[in-house]
Amino acid sequence: METKKDFDAVEMMRTLRTKVGKELNCKSYQEQKNYIRERLRDGDNNSESPY
């Protein structure tokens, strides 16, 4: 018996990992650190989350 999920954590993680990977791809190590610090400080309220 298969049930329909309202929320798929694995799919969300894969989607977010791909998005962040694309955003950090061409950045230097220092730029990546700054990006992550900003997102953690801001709570990433401005992101376009698919969920």
C-alpha atoms as a PDB file:
ATOM      1  CA  MET A   1       0.000   0.000   0.000  1.00  0.00           C
ATOM      2  CA  GLU A   2       1.468   3.337  -1.086  1.00  0.00           C
ATOM      3  CA  THR A   3       0.453   6.629   0.468  1.00  0.00           C
ATOM      4  CA  LYS A   4       0.679  10.119  -0.998  1.00  0.00           C
ATOM      5  CA  LYS A   5       3.089  12.386   0.844  1.00  0.00           C
ATOM      6  CA  ASP A   6       2.242  16.029   1.443  1.00  0.00           C
ATOM      7  CA  PHE A   7       5.914  16.823   2.021  1.00  0.00           C
ATOM      8  CA  ASP A   8       8.939  14.987   0.615  1.00  0.00           C
ATOM      9  CA  ALA A   9      12.078  15.902   2.584  1.00  0.00           C
ATOM     10  CA  VAL A  10      14.427  14.062   0.215  1.00  0.00           C
ATOM     11  CA  GLU A  11      13.080  15.898  -2.812  1.00  0.00           C
ATOM     12  CA  MET A  12      13.322  19.237  -0.991  1.00  0.00           C
ATOM     13  CA  MET A  13      16.938  18.598   0.043  1.00  0.00           C
ATOM     14  CA  ARG A  14      17.940  17.644  -3.489  1.00  0.00           C
ATOM     15  CA  THR A  15      16.243  20.737  -4.919  1.00  0.00           C
ATOM     16  CA  LEU A  16      17.882  23.075  -2.417  1.00  0.00           C
ATOM     17  CA  ARG A  17      21.303  21.434  -2.807  1.00  0.00           C
ATOM     18  CA  THR A  18      21.122  21.913  -6.578  1.00  0.00           C
ATOM     19  CA  LYS A  19      20.044  25.549  -6.215  1.00  0.00           C
ATOM     20  CA  VAL A  20      22.811  26.430  -3.747  1.00  0.00           C
ATOM     21  CA  GLY A  21      25.373  24.528  -5.806  1.00  0.00           C
ATOM     22  CA  LYS A  22      24.525  26.611  -8.871  1.00  0.00           C
ATOM     23  CA  GLU A  23      24.717  29.848  -6.874  1.00  0.00           C
ATOM     24  CA  LEU A  24      28.121  28.968  -5.391  1.00  0.00           C
ATOM     25  CA  ASN A  25      29.628  27.366  -8.489  1.00  0.00           C
ATOM     26  CA  CYS A  26      31.638  30.355  -9.753  1.00  0.00           C
ATOM     27  CA  LYS A  27      32.373  31.992  -6.400  1.00  0.00           C
ATOM     28  CA  SER A  28      35.689  32.005  -4.567  1.00  0.00           C
ATOM     29  CA  TYR A  29      36.032  30.333  -1.184  1.00  0.00           C
ATOM     30  CA  GLN A  30      35.720  33.684   0.611  1.00  0.00           C
ATOM     31  CA  GLU A  31      32.609  34.604  -1.427  1.00  0.00           C
ATOM     32  CA  GLN A  32      31.078  31.232  -0.551  1.00  0.00           C
ATOM     33  CA  LYS A  33      31.720  31.809   3.159  1.00  0.00           C
ATOM     34  CA  ASN A  34      30.131  35.262   2.948  1.00  0.00           C
ATOM     35  CA  TYR A  35      27.111  33.864   1.059  1.00  0.00           C
ATOM     36  CA  ILE A  36      26.522  31.212   3.718  1.00  0.00           C
ATOM     37  CA  ARG A  37      27.000  33.667   6.600  1.00  0.00           C
ATOM     38  CA  GLU A  38      24.498  36.089   5.060  1.00  0.00           C
ATOM     39  CA  ARG A  39      21.920  33.329   4.556  1.00  0.00           C
ATOM     40  CA  LEU A  40      22.325  32.089   8.120  1.00  0.00           C
ATOM     41  CA  ARG A  41      22.115  35.607   9.561  1.00  0.00           C
ATOM     42  CA  ASP A  42      19.079  36.600   7.478  1.00  0.00           C
ATOM     43  CA  GLY A  43      17.289  33.311   7.864  1.00  0.00           C
ATOM     44  CA  ASP A  44      17.118  33.274   4.050  1.00  0.00           C
ATOM     45  CA  ASN A  45      13.719  34.990   4.136  1.00  0.00           C
ATOM     46  CA  ASN A  46      14.151  36.305   0.597  1.00  0.00           C
ATOM     47  CA  SER A  47      14.699  32.956  -1.109  1.00  0.00           C
ATOM     48  CA  GLU A  48      12.262  31.534  -3.603  1.00  0.00           C
ATOM     49  CA  SER A  49      11.670  28.203  -1.949  1.00  0.00           C
ATOM     50  CA  PRO A  50       9.593  25.681  -3.879  1.00  0.00           C
ATOM     51  CA  TYR A  51       8.075  24.561  -0.534  1.00  0.00           C
END
